[in-house]
Amino acid sequence: MTPFLVIQAIVIGVAVAASLVYACRRLMPATSQRWQGALASSLSNASRPAALRAIGKRLQPEAAAGGCDSGCGSCATGCGSASSADEQPLQFHERARE
């Protein structure tokens, strides 16, 4: 295997891994935050070296902000509710037969 092929395989592997991470974070946000939290707590273990603990502290996911106008719709205050007044249900009509 030539050095060019090795570098090419590494670059493609990094691109595929980055795409996988992006897709997981985009399509499964709760699961990816849970995985990120598990990785961060594993790295932040007291038995790890200081450099790994610093990485674990940096990887710790942010707490979910549920403030007003966050769009969560989990409270009854009506601020940023999940359903908007602009939304309308779809109505399907059968086509007339000729």
Protein backbone atom coordinates (compact mmCIF):
# COMPACT_ATOMS: atom_id res chain seq x y z
CA MET A 1 0.00 0.00 0.00
CA THR A 2 1.45 3.35 -1.01
CA PRO A 3 1.53 6.32 1.35
CA PHE A 4 -0.95 8.12 -0.89
CA LEU A 5 -3.52 5.34 -0.44
CA VAL A 6 -3.03 5.38 3.33
CA ILE A 7 -3.58 9.15 3.48
CA GLN A 8 -6.58 8.83 1.17
CA ALA A 9 -8.12 6.14 3.40
CA ILE A 10 -7.57 8.30 6.51
CA VAL A 11 -9.15 11.37 4.90
CA ILE A 12 -12.16 9.38 3.70
CA GLY A 13 -12.52 7.77 7.12
CA VAL A 14 -12.49 11.15 8.84
CA ALA A 15 -15.06 12.51 6.38
CA VAL A 16 -17.37 9.52 6.92
CA ALA A 17 -17.01 9.76 10.71
CA ALA A 18 -17.76 13.50 10.66
CA SER A 19 -20.82 12.88 8.48
CA LEU A 20 -22.05 10.18 10.86
CA VAL A 21 -21.63 12.45 13.88
CA TYR A 22 -23.45 15.28 12.11
CA ALA A 23 -26.31 13.01 11.05
CA CYS A 24 -26.70 11.58 14.56
CA ARG A 25 -26.72 15.03 16.15
CA ARG A 26 -29.21 16.32 13.58
CA LEU A 27 -31.59 13.35 13.47
CA MET A 28 -31.29 12.05 17.06
CA PRO A 29 -30.52 15.06 19.28
CA ALA A 30 -31.60 13.52 22.62
CA THR A 31 -29.73 10.28 21.97
CA SER A 32 -26.59 12.08 20.81
CA GLN A 33 -26.63 14.30 23.91
CA ARG A 34 -27.01 11.20 26.08
CA TRP A 35 -24.04 9.55 24.29
CA GLN A 36 -22.03 12.76 24.60
CA GLY A 37 -22.81 12.94 28.33
CA ALA A 38 -21.78 9.31 28.82
CA LEU A 39 -18.49 9.92 26.99
CA ALA A 40 -17.86 13.12 28.96
CA SER A 41 -18.50 11.45 32.32
CA SER A 42 -16.29 8.54 31.33
CA LEU A 43 -13.45 10.92 30.44
CA SER A 44 -14.02 13.04 33.56
CA ASN A 45 -13.38 10.08 35.86
CA ALA A 46 -10.93 10.91 38.66
CA SER A 47 -8.65 8.01 37.63
CA ARG A 48 -8.01 9.58 34.21
CA PRO A 49 -5.09 11.89 33.44
CA ALA A 50 -5.66 15.63 33.72
CA ALA A 51 -5.69 16.13 29.94
CA LEU A 52 -8.51 13.60 29.46
CA ARG A 53 -10.47 15.10 32.37
CA ALA A 54 -10.18 18.52 30.72
CA ILE A 55 -11.50 17.07 27.45
CA GLY A 56 -14.34 15.38 29.35
CA LYS A 57 -15.25 18.65 31.04
CA ARG A 58 -15.27 20.42 27.69
CA LEU A 59 -17.44 17.72 26.08
CA GLN A 60 -20.09 17.95 28.81
CA PRO A 61 -23.39 18.78 27.02
CA GLU A 62 -25.17 21.99 27.90
CA ALA A 63 -28.28 21.79 30.03
CA ALA A 64 -31.53 22.14 28.12
CA ALA A 65 -32.73 25.71 28.35
CA GLY A 66 -36.48 25.83 28.88
CA GLY A 67 -36.92 29.56 29.14
CA CYS A 68 -39.74 31.58 27.69
CA ASP A 69 -39.85 31.66 23.88
CA SER A 70 -37.75 28.51 23.62
CA GLY A 71 -40.56 26.85 21.68
CA CYS A 72 -40.76 23.86 23.97
CA GLY A 73 -44.51 24.17 24.63
CA SER A 74 -44.18 22.20 27.86
CA CYS A 75 -45.85 24.71 30.16
CA ALA A 76 -49.29 26.29 30.18
CA THR A 77 -48.06 29.89 29.97
CA GLY A 78 -48.47 29.98 26.21
CA CYS A 79 -45.09 31.49 25.50
CA GLY A 80 -43.62 29.78 22.48
CA SER A 81 -46.06 26.92 22.41
CA ALA A 82 -45.28 23.99 20.18
CA SER A 83 -48.34 24.49 17.97
CA SER A 84 -48.56 27.71 16.05
CA ALA A 85 -51.76 29.53 15.07
CA ASP A 86 -50.58 29.46 11.45
CA GLU A 87 -50.83 25.69 11.29
CA GLN A 88 -53.94 24.24 9.69
CA PRO A 89 -54.94 20.59 9.34
CA LEU A 90 -54.71 19.03 5.89
CA GLN A 91 -57.99 18.29 4.20
CA PHE A 92 -57.99 15.69 1.44
CA HIS A 93 -60.75 15.70 -1.15
CA GLU A 94 -61.52 12.82 -3.47
CA ARG A 95 -61.09 13.64 -7.14
CA ALA A 96 -64.19 13.66 -9.29
CA ARG A 97 -64.33 10.71 -11.65
CA GLU A 98 -64.84 11.43 -15.31
